[in-house]
Amino acid sequence: DMTFDCRFLKNPHWDPDLRSSTGLDAPVGAHVETDP
């Protein structure tokens, strides 16, 4: 019914240590939260 685009946020994919993780993992959340 509505969609929000999150692609402007800092991308964990470019961190080799986080690439295989998901947004369910705490380190990924911490990485995203570094984006102001």
PDB file of all heavy atoms in Angstrom:
ATOM      1  N   ASP A   1       0.826  -1.200   0.000  1.00  0.00           N
ATOM      2  CA  ASP A   1       0.000   0.000   0.000  1.00  0.00           C
ATOM      3  C   ASP A   1       0.863   1.253   0.000  1.00  0.00           C
ATOM      4  O   ASP A   1       0.453   2.288  -0.514  1.00  0.00           O
ATOM      5  CB  ASP A   1      -0.922   0.000   1.228  1.00  0.00           C
ATOM      6  CG  ASP A   1      -1.920  -1.135   1.180  1.00  0.00           C
ATOM      7  OD1 ASP A   1      -2.784  -1.110   0.293  1.00  0.00           O
ATOM      8  OD2 ASP A   1      -1.833  -2.051   2.016  1.00  0.00           O
ATOM      9  N   MET A   2       2.037   1.167   0.605  1.00  0.00           N
ATOM     10  CA  MET A   2       3.005   2.266   0.563  1.00  0.00           C
ATOM     11  C   MET A   2       4.399   1.680   0.716  1.00  0.00           C
ATOM     12  O   MET A   2       4.571   0.609   1.299  1.00  0.00           O
ATOM     13  CB  MET A   2       2.714   3.310   1.644  1.00  0.00           C
ATOM     14  CG  MET A   2       2.883   2.824   3.066  1.00  0.00           C
ATOM     15  SD  MET A   2       2.593   4.158   4.277  1.00  0.00           S
ATOM     16  CE  MET A   2       0.816   4.327   4.144  1.00  0.00           C
ATOM     17  N   THR A   3       5.382   2.388   0.173  1.00  0.00           N
ATOM     18  CA  THR A   3       6.749   1.875   0.134  1.00  0.00           C
ATOM     19  C   THR A   3       7.734   2.965   0.520  1.00  0.00           C
ATOM     20  O   THR A   3       7.585   4.114   0.103  1.00  0.00           O
ATOM     21  CB  THR A   3       7.098   1.360  -1.280  1.00  0.00           C
ATOM     22  OG1 THR A   3       6.159   0.356  -1.658  1.00  0.00           O
ATOM     23  CG2 THR A   3       8.489   0.779  -1.320  1.00  0.00           C
ATOM     24  N   PHE A   4       8.744   2.586   1.311  1.00  0.00           N
ATOM     25  CA  PHE A   4       9.803   3.502   1.716  1.00  0.00           C
ATOM     26  C   PHE A   4      11.143   2.992   1.185  1.00  0.00           C
ATOM     27  O   PHE A   4      11.475   1.815   1.335  1.00  0.00           O
ATOM     28  CB  PHE A   4       9.854   3.632   3.240  1.00  0.00           C
ATOM     29  CG  PHE A   4       8.627   4.264   3.826  1.00  0.00           C
ATOM     30  CD1 PHE A   4       7.581   3.473   4.291  1.00  0.00           C
ATOM     31  CD2 PHE A   4       8.499   5.640   3.905  1.00  0.00           C
ATOM     32  CE1 PHE A   4       6.437   4.051   4.828  1.00  0.00           C
ATOM     33  CE2 PHE A   4       7.364   6.229   4.425  1.00  0.00           C
ATOM     34  CZ  PHE A   4       6.330   5.438   4.891  1.00  0.00           C
ATOM     35  N   ASP A   5      11.903   3.892   0.584  1.00  0.00           N
ATOM     36  CA  ASP A   5      13.185   3.562  -0.025  1.00  0.00           C
ATOM     37  C   ASP A   5      14.305   3.805   0.990  1.00  0.00           C
ATOM     38  O   ASP A   5      14.489   4.930   1.465  1.00  0.00           O
ATOM     39  CB  ASP A   5      13.388   4.440  -1.260  1.00  0.00           C
ATOM     40  CG  ASP A   5      14.554   3.988  -2.118  1.00  0.00           C
ATOM     41  OD1 ASP A   5      15.453   3.297  -1.598  1.00  0.00           O
ATOM     42  OD2 ASP A   5      14.575   4.339  -3.314  1.00  0.00           O
ATOM     43  N   CYS A   6      15.051   2.758   1.316  1.00  0.00           N
ATOM     44  CA  CYS A   6      16.137   2.850   2.307  1.00  0.00           C
ATOM     45  C   CYS A   6      17.513   2.910   1.666  1.00  0.00           C
ATOM     46  O   CYS A   6      18.531   2.822   2.367  1.00  0.00           O
ATOM     47  CB  CYS A   6      16.075   1.650   3.263  1.00  0.00           C
ATOM     48  SG  CYS A   6      14.515   1.421   4.114  1.00  0.00           S
ATOM     49  N   ARG A   7      17.588   3.067   0.354  1.00  0.00           N
ATOM     50  CA  ARG A   7      18.870   2.965  -0.340  1.00  0.00           C
ATOM     51  C   ARG A   7      19.800   4.146  -0.076  1.00  0.00           C
ATOM     52  O   ARG A   7      20.981   4.069  -0.404  1.00  0.00           O
ATOM     53  CB  ARG A   7      18.638   2.800  -1.844  1.00  0.00           C
ATOM     54  CG  ARG A   7      18.090   1.440  -2.222  1.00  0.00           C
ATOM     55  CD  ARG A   7      17.787   1.342  -3.702  1.00  0.00           C
ATOM     56  NE  ARG A   7      16.648   2.174  -4.073  1.00  0.00           N
ATOM     57  CZ  ARG A   7      16.113   2.211  -5.282  1.00  0.00           C
ATOM     58  NH1 ARG A   7      16.630   1.453  -6.251  1.00  0.00           N
ATOM     59  NH2 ARG A   7      15.080   2.985  -5.548  1.00  0.00           N
ATOM     60  N   PHE A   8      19.312   5.216   0.521  1.00  0.00           N
ATOM     61  CA  PHE A   8      20.173   6.363   0.820  1.00  0.00           C
ATOM     62  C   PHE A   8      21.021   6.128   2.075  1.00  0.00           C
ATOM     63  O   PHE A   8      21.983   6.855   2.329  1.00  0.00           O
ATOM     64  CB  PHE A   8      19.328   7.630   1.014  1.00  0.00           C
ATOM     65  CG  PHE A   8      18.419   7.576   2.203  1.00  0.00           C
ATOM     66  CD1 PHE A   8      18.838   8.035   3.441  1.00  0.00           C
ATOM     67  CD2 PHE A   8      17.138   7.029   2.100  1.00  0.00           C
ATOM     68  CE1 PHE A   8      18.007   7.974   4.549  1.00  0.00           C
ATOM     69  CE2 PHE A   8      16.306   6.963   3.192  1.00  0.00           C
ATOM     70  CZ  PHE A   8      16.742   7.436   4.422  1.00  0.00           C
ATOM     71  N   LEU A   9      20.657   5.125   2.882  1.00  0.00           N
ATOM     72  CA  LEU A   9      21.377   4.860   4.117  1.00  0.00           C
ATOM     73  C   LEU A   9      22.713   4.160   3.844  1.00  0.00           C
ATOM     74  O   LEU A   9      22.899   3.521   2.814  1.00  0.00           O
ATOM     75  CB  LEU A   9      20.513   3.998   5.049  1.00  0.00           C
ATOM     76  CG  LEU A   9      19.239   4.653   5.584  1.00  0.00           C
ATOM     77  CD1 LEU A   9      18.357   3.622   6.270  1.00  0.00           C
ATOM     78  CD2 LEU A   9      19.578   5.797   6.531  1.00  0.00           C
ATOM     79  N   LYS A  10      23.618   4.271   4.773  1.00  0.00           N
ATOM     80  CA  LYS A  10      24.944   3.662   4.665  1.00  0.00           C
ATOM     81  C   LYS A  10      24.801   2.155   4.479  1.00  0.00           C
ATOM     82  O   LYS A  10      24.138   1.479   5.262  1.00  0.00           O
ATOM     83  CB  LYS A  10      25.752   3.978   5.923  1.00  0.00           C
ATOM     84  CG  LYS A  10      27.206   3.561   5.862  1.00  0.00           C
ATOM     85  CD  LYS A  10      27.952   4.025   7.101  1.00  0.00           C
ATOM     86  CE  LYS A  10      29.419   3.610   7.048  1.00  0.00           C
ATOM     87  NZ  LYS A  10      30.142   4.043   8.291  1.00  0.00           N
ATOM     88  N   ASN A  11      25.460   1.614   3.456  1.00  0.00           N
ATOM     89  CA  ASN A  11      25.231   0.228   3.036  1.00  0.00           C
ATOM     90  C   ASN A  11      26.233  -0.734   3.680  1.00  0.00           C
ATOM     91  O   ASN A  11      27.426  -0.695   3.371  1.00  0.00           O
ATOM     92  CB  ASN A  11      25.336   0.127   1.520  1.00  0.00           C
ATOM     93  CG  ASN A  11      24.831  -1.205   0.985  1.00  0.00           C
ATOM     94  OD1 ASN A  11      24.538  -2.123   1.758  1.00  0.00           O
ATOM     95  ND2 ASN A  11      24.728  -1.304  -0.323  1.00  0.00           N
ATOM     96  N   PRO A  12      25.782  -1.649   4.538  1.00  0.00           N
ATOM     97  CA  PRO A  12      26.679  -2.642   5.156  1.00  0.00           C
ATOM     98  C   PRO A  12      27.303  -3.602   4.151  1.00  0.00           C
ATOM     99  O   PRO A  12      28.284  -4.273   4.466  1.00  0.00           O
ATOM    100  CB  PRO A  12      25.754  -3.388   6.133  1.00  0.00           C
ATOM    101  CG  PRO A  12      24.634  -2.451   6.387  1.00  0.00           C
ATOM    102  CD  PRO A  12      24.424  -1.723   5.085  1.00  0.00           C
ATOM    103  N   HIS A  13      26.740  -3.674   2.950  1.00  0.00           N
ATOM    104  CA  HIS A  13      27.278  -4.595   1.940  1.00  0.00           C
ATOM    105  C   HIS A  13      28.747  -4.311   1.646  1.00  0.00           C
ATOM    106  O   HIS A  13      29.511  -5.237   1.313  1.00  0.00           O
ATOM    107  CB  HIS A  13      26.463  -4.469   0.652  1.00  0.00           C
ATOM    108  CG  HIS A  13      27.006  -5.265  -0.494  1.00  0.00           C
ATOM    109  ND1 HIS A  13      26.790  -6.628  -0.624  1.00  0.00           N
ATOM    110  CD2 HIS A  13      27.770  -4.905  -1.576  1.00  0.00           C
ATOM    111  CE1 HIS A  13      27.381  -7.059  -1.721  1.00  0.00           C
ATOM    112  NE2 HIS A  13      27.987  -6.034  -2.320  1.00  0.00           N
ATOM    113  N   TRP A  14      29.162  -3.049   1.775  1.00  0.00           N
ATOM    114  CA  TRP A  14      30.529  -2.684   1.419  1.00  0.00           C
ATOM    115  C   TRP A  14      31.523  -2.961   2.540  1.00  0.00           C
ATOM    116  O   TRP A  14      32.720  -2.738   2.369  1.00  0.00           O
ATOM    117  CB  TRP A  14      30.579  -1.217   1.002  1.00  0.00           C
ATOM    118  CG  TRP A  14      29.677  -0.941  -0.152  1.00  0.00           C
ATOM    119  CD1 TRP A  14      28.600  -0.121  -0.168  1.00  0.00           C
ATOM    120  CD2 TRP A  14      29.754  -1.518  -1.458  1.00  0.00           C
ATOM    121  NE1 TRP A  14      27.985  -0.136  -1.383  1.00  0.00           N
ATOM    122  CE2 TRP A  14      28.685  -0.993  -2.210  1.00  0.00           C
ATOM    123  CE3 TRP A  14      30.619  -2.423  -2.068  1.00  0.00           C
ATOM    124  CZ2 TRP A  14      28.455  -1.358  -3.531  1.00  0.00           C
ATOM    125  CZ3 TRP A  14      30.398  -2.779  -3.391  1.00  0.00           C
ATOM    126  CH2 TRP A  14      29.332  -2.246  -4.104  1.00  0.00           C
ATOM    127  N   ASP A  15      31.041  -3.448   3.664  1.00  0.00           N
ATOM    128  CA  ASP A  15      31.929  -3.887   4.744  1.00  0.00           C
ATOM    129  C   ASP A  15      32.063  -5.410   4.628  1.00  0.00           C
ATOM    130  O   ASP A  15      31.089  -6.135   4.843  1.00  0.00           O
ATOM    131  CB  ASP A  15      31.341  -3.502   6.103  1.00  0.00           C
ATOM    132  CG  ASP A  15      32.268  -3.822   7.269  1.00  0.00           C
ATOM    133  OD1 ASP A  15      33.060  -4.781   7.150  1.00  0.00           O
ATOM    134  OD2 ASP A  15      32.191  -3.138   8.302  1.00  0.00           O
ATOM    135  N   PRO A  16      33.250  -5.927   4.295  1.00  0.00           N
ATOM    136  CA  PRO A  16      33.409  -7.376   4.102  1.00  0.00           C
ATOM    137  C   PRO A  16      32.988  -8.205   5.309  1.00  0.00           C
ATOM    138  O   PRO A  16      32.534  -9.344   5.156  1.00  0.00           O
ATOM    139  CB  PRO A  16      34.910  -7.533   3.829  1.00  0.00           C
ATOM    140  CG  PRO A  16      35.340  -6.194   3.318  1.00  0.00           C
ATOM    141  CD  PRO A  16      34.492  -5.182   4.046  1.00  0.00           C
ATOM    142  N   ASP A  17      33.111  -7.631   6.497  1.00  0.00           N
ATOM    143  CA  ASP A  17      32.738  -8.381   7.706  1.00  0.00           C
ATOM    144  C   ASP A  17      31.223  -8.486   7.875  1.00  0.00           C
ATOM    145  O   ASP A  17      30.743  -9.316   8.651  1.00  0.00           O
ATOM    146  CB  ASP A  17      33.338  -7.708   8.941  1.00  0.00           C
ATOM    147  CG  ASP A  17      34.857  -7.786   8.968  1.00  0.00           C
ATOM    148  OD1 ASP A  17      35.403  -8.753   8.397  1.00  0.00           O
ATOM    149  OD2 ASP A  17      35.499  -6.879   9.547  1.00  0.00           O
ATOM    150  N   LEU A  18      30.472  -7.630   7.177  1.00  0.00           N
ATOM    151  CA  LEU A  18      29.009  -7.601   7.338  1.00  0.00           C
ATOM    152  C   LEU A  18      28.267  -8.129   6.117  1.00  0.00           C
ATOM    153  O   LEU A  18      27.056  -8.336   6.179  1.00  0.00           O
ATOM    154  CB  LEU A  18      28.539  -6.165   7.624  1.00  0.00           C
ATOM    155  CG  LEU A  18      29.088  -5.502   8.890  1.00  0.00           C
ATOM    156  CD1 LEU A  18      28.596  -4.060   8.982  1.00  0.00           C
ATOM    157  CD2 LEU A  18      28.685  -6.285  10.134  1.00  0.00           C
ATOM    158  N   ARG A  19      28.973  -8.343   5.042  1.00  0.00           N
ATOM    159  CA  ARG A  19      28.318  -8.662   3.765  1.00  0.00           C
ATOM    160  C   ARG A  19      27.421  -9.892   3.862  1.00  0.00           C
ATOM    161  O   ARG A  19      26.318  -9.921   3.307  1.00  0.00           O
ATOM    162  CB  ARG A  19      29.372  -8.853   2.681  1.00  0.00           C
ATOM    163  CG  ARG A  19      28.790  -9.036   1.278  1.00  0.00           C
ATOM    164  CD  ARG A  19      29.878  -8.908   0.239  1.00  0.00           C
ATOM    165  NE  ARG A  19      30.487  -7.574   0.286  1.00  0.00           N
ATOM    166  CZ  ARG A  19      31.572  -7.229  -0.400  1.00  0.00           C
ATOM    167  NH1 ARG A  19      32.172  -8.127  -1.161  1.00  0.00           N
ATOM    168  NH2 ARG A  19      32.055  -6.009  -0.313  1.00  0.00           N
ATOM    169  N   SER A  20      27.863 -10.911   4.580  1.00  0.00           N
ATOM    170  CA  SER A  20      27.078 -12.149   4.667  1.00  0.00           C
ATOM    171  C   SER A  20      26.051 -12.114   5.797  1.00  0.00           C
ATOM    172  O   SER A  20      25.267 -13.051   5.948  1.00  0.00           O
ATOM    173  CB  SER A  20      28.007 -13.351   4.869  1.00  0.00           C
ATOM    174  OG  SER A  20      28.728 -13.226   6.081  1.00  0.00           O
ATOM    175  N   SER A  21      26.043 -11.045   6.575  1.00  0.00           N
ATOM    176  CA  SER A  21      25.068 -10.908   7.659  1.00  0.00           C
ATOM    177  C   SER A  21      23.787 -10.273   7.119  1.00  0.00           C
ATOM    178  O   SER A  21      23.688  -9.938   5.932  1.00  0.00           O
ATOM    179  CB  SER A  21      25.657 -10.046   8.782  1.00  0.00           C
ATOM    180  OG  SER A  21      26.826 -10.621   9.317  1.00  0.00           O
ATOM    181  N   THR A  22      22.805 -10.102   7.994  1.00  0.00           N
ATOM    182  CA  THR A  22      21.541  -9.485   7.590  1.00  0.00           C
ATOM    183  C   THR A  22      21.152  -8.403   8.595  1.00  0.00           C
ATOM    184  O   THR A  22      21.785  -8.252   9.643  1.00  0.00           O
ATOM    185  CB  THR A  22      20.405 -10.522   7.524  1.00  0.00           C
ATOM    186  OG1 THR A  22      19.967 -10.845   8.865  1.00  0.00           O
ATOM    187  CG2 THR A  22      20.848 -11.790   6.818  1.00  0.00           C
ATOM    188  N   GLY A  23      20.076  -7.705   8.256  1.00  0.00           N
ATOM    189  CA  GLY A  23      19.576  -6.662   9.142  1.00  0.00           C
ATOM    190  C   GLY A  23      19.023  -7.184  10.446  1.00  0.00           C
ATOM    191  O   GLY A  23      18.685  -6.399  11.337  1.00  0.00           O
ATOM    192  N   LEU A  24      18.953  -8.505  10.595  1.00  0.00           N
ATOM    193  CA  LEU A  24      18.538  -9.106  11.864  1.00  0.00           C
ATOM    194  C   LEU A  24      19.705  -9.212  12.839  1.00  0.00           C
ATOM    195  O   LEU A  24      19.489  -9.503  14.020  1.00  0.00           O
ATOM    196  CB  LEU A  24      17.946 -10.493  11.625  1.00  0.00           C
ATOM    197  CG  LEU A  24      16.711 -10.563  10.713  1.00  0.00           C
ATOM    198  CD1 LEU A  24      16.295 -12.019  10.503  1.00  0.00           C
ATOM    199  CD2 LEU A  24      15.562  -9.759  11.287  1.00  0.00           C
ATOM    200  N   ASP A  25      20.923  -8.995  12.341  1.00  0.00           N
ATOM    201  CA  ASP A  25      22.127  -9.115  13.166  1.00  0.00           C
ATOM    202  C   ASP A  25      22.512  -7.764  13.742  1.00  0.00           C
ATOM    203  O   ASP A  25      22.514  -6.745  13.032  1.00  0.00           O
ATOM    204  CB  ASP A  25      23.282  -9.673  12.339  1.00  0.00           C
ATOM    205  CG  ASP A  25      22.980 -11.064  11.793  1.00  0.00           C
ATOM    206  OD1 ASP A  25      22.484 -11.895  12.579  1.00  0.00           O
ATOM    207  OD2 ASP A  25      23.237 -11.307  10.597  1.00  0.00           O
ATOM    208  N   ALA A  26      22.879  -7.742  15.023  1.00  0.00           N
ATOM    209  CA  ALA A  26      23.178  -6.495  15.722  1.00  0.00           C
ATOM    210  C   ALA A  26      24.294  -5.681  15.061  1.00  0.00           C
ATOM    211  O   ALA A  26      24.166  -4.448  14.966  1.00  0.00           O
ATOM    212  CB  ALA A  26      23.521  -6.788  17.187  1.00  0.00           C
ATOM    213  N   PRO A  27      25.373  -6.288  14.589  1.00  0.00           N
ATOM    214  CA  PRO A  27      26.426  -5.475  13.956  1.00  0.00           C
ATOM    215  C   PRO A  27      25.938  -4.706  12.729  1.00  0.00           C
ATOM    216  O   PRO A  27      26.393  -3.588  12.466  1.00  0.00           O
ATOM    217  CB  PRO A  27      27.491  -6.511  13.585  1.00  0.00           C
ATOM    218  CG  PRO A  27      27.285  -7.623  14.559  1.00  0.00           C
ATOM    219  CD  PRO A  27      25.810  -7.703  14.741  1.00  0.00           C
ATOM    220  N   VAL A  28      25.023  -5.294  11.966  1.00  0.00           N
ATOM    221  CA  VAL A  28      24.472  -4.593  10.806  1.00  0.00           C
ATOM    222  C   VAL A  28      23.655  -3.388  11.258  1.00  0.00           C
ATOM    223  O   VAL A  28      23.765  -2.286  10.697  1.00  0.00           O
ATOM    224  CB  VAL A  28      23.616  -5.545   9.946  1.00  0.00           C
ATOM    225  CG1 VAL A  28      22.845  -4.767   8.890  1.00  0.00           C
ATOM    226  CG2 VAL A  28      24.489  -6.595   9.298  1.00  0.00           C
ATOM    227  N   GLY A  29      22.822  -3.591  12.287  1.00  0.00           N
ATOM    228  CA  GLY A  29      22.045  -2.473  12.814  1.00  0.00           C
ATOM    229  C   GLY A  29      22.935  -1.355  13.319  1.00  0.00           C
ATOM    230  O   GLY A  29      22.671  -0.166  13.077  1.00  0.00           O
ATOM    231  N   ALA A  30      24.006  -1.718  14.005  1.00  0.00           N
ATOM    232  CA  ALA A  30      24.936  -0.713  14.513  1.00  0.00           C
ATOM    233  C   ALA A  30      25.582   0.052  13.366  1.00  0.00           C
ATOM    234  O   ALA A  30      25.798   1.279  13.458  1.00  0.00           O
ATOM    235  CB  ALA A  30      26.006  -1.376  15.376  1.00  0.00           C
ATOM    236  N   HIS A  31      25.885  -0.649  12.279  1.00  0.00           N
ATOM    237  CA  HIS A  31      26.483  -0.004  11.110  1.00  0.00           C
ATOM    238  C   HIS A  31      25.509   1.001  10.495  1.00  0.00           C
ATOM    239  O   HIS A  31      25.898   2.133  10.165  1.00  0.00           O
ATOM    240  CB  HIS A  31      26.869  -1.068  10.087  1.00  0.00           C
ATOM    241  CG  HIS A  31      27.559  -0.536   8.871  1.00  0.00           C
ATOM    242  ND1 HIS A  31      28.923  -0.458   8.770  1.00  0.00           N
ATOM    243  CD2 HIS A  31      27.072  -0.037   7.697  1.00  0.00           C
ATOM    244  CE1 HIS A  31      29.256   0.058   7.601  1.00  0.00           C
ATOM    245  NE2 HIS A  31      28.142   0.311   6.920  1.00  0.00           N
ATOM    246  N   VAL A  32      24.259   0.595  10.310  1.00  0.00           N
ATOM    247  CA  VAL A  32      23.257   1.491   9.728  1.00  0.00           C
ATOM    248  C   VAL A  32      23.065   2.718  10.614  1.00  0.00           C
ATOM    249  O   VAL A  32      22.909   3.851  10.124  1.00  0.00           O
ATOM    250  CB  VAL A  32      21.925   0.748   9.510  1.00  0.00           C
ATOM    251  CG1 VAL A  32      20.837   1.726   9.036  1.00  0.00           C
ATOM    252  CG2 VAL A  32      22.093  -0.385   8.510  1.00  0.00           C
ATOM    253  N   GLU A  33      23.102   2.516  11.919  1.00  0.00           N
ATOM    254  CA  GLU A  33      22.872   3.621  12.853  1.00  0.00           C
ATOM    255  C   GLU A  33      23.992   4.657  12.825  1.00  0.00           C
ATOM    256  O   GLU A  33      23.818   5.772  13.327  1.00  0.00           O
ATOM    257  CB  GLU A  33      22.698   3.079  14.273  1.00  0.00           C
ATOM    258  CG  GLU A  33      21.392   2.349  14.516  1.00  0.00           C
ATOM    259  CD  GLU A  33      20.172   3.259  14.456  1.00  0.00           C
ATOM    260  OE1 GLU A  33      20.344   4.499  14.493  1.00  0.00           O
ATOM    261  OE2 GLU A  33      19.045   2.734  14.366  1.00  0.00           O
ATOM    262  N   THR A  34      25.142   4.317  12.256  1.00  0.00           N
ATOM    263  CA  THR A  34      26.205   5.319  12.132  1.00  0.00           C
ATOM    264  C   THR A  34      25.870   6.366  11.073  1.00  0.00           C
ATOM    265  O   THR A  34      26.514   7.424  11.024  1.00  0.00           O
ATOM    266  CB  THR A  34      27.556   4.662  11.781  1.00  0.00           C
ATOM    267  OG1 THR A  34      27.450   4.023  10.501  1.00  0.00           O
ATOM    268  CG2 THR A  34      27.962   3.652  12.841  1.00  0.00           C
ATOM    269  N   ASP A  35      24.889   6.085  10.234  1.00  0.00           N
ATOM    270  CA  ASP A  35      24.434   7.078   9.258  1.00  0.00           C
ATOM    271  C   ASP A  35      23.619   8.131   9.998  1.00  0.00           C
ATOM    272  O   ASP A  35      22.641   7.805  10.686  1.00  0.00           O
ATOM    273  CB  ASP A  35      23.576   6.401   8.190  1.00  0.00           C
ATOM    274  CG  ASP A  35      23.271   7.316   7.014  1.00  0.00           C
ATOM    275  OD1 ASP A  35      22.889   8.477   7.247  1.00  0.00           O
ATOM    276  OD2 ASP A  35      23.424   6.867   5.859  1.00  0.00           O
ATOM    277  N   PRO A  36      23.974   9.409   9.900  1.00  0.00           N
ATOM    278  CA  PRO A  36      23.258  10.444  10.646  1.00  0.00           C
ATOM    279  C   PRO A  36      21.790  10.595  10.257  1.00  0.00           C
ATOM    280  O   PRO A  36      21.010  11.195  11.003  1.00  0.00           O
ATOM    281  CB  PRO A  36      24.046  11.724  10.314  1.00  0.00           C
ATOM    282  CG  PRO A  36      24.795  11.414   9.057  1.00  0.00           C
ATOM    283  CD  PRO A  36      25.102   9.955   9.114  1.00  0.00           C
TER     284      PRO A  36
END
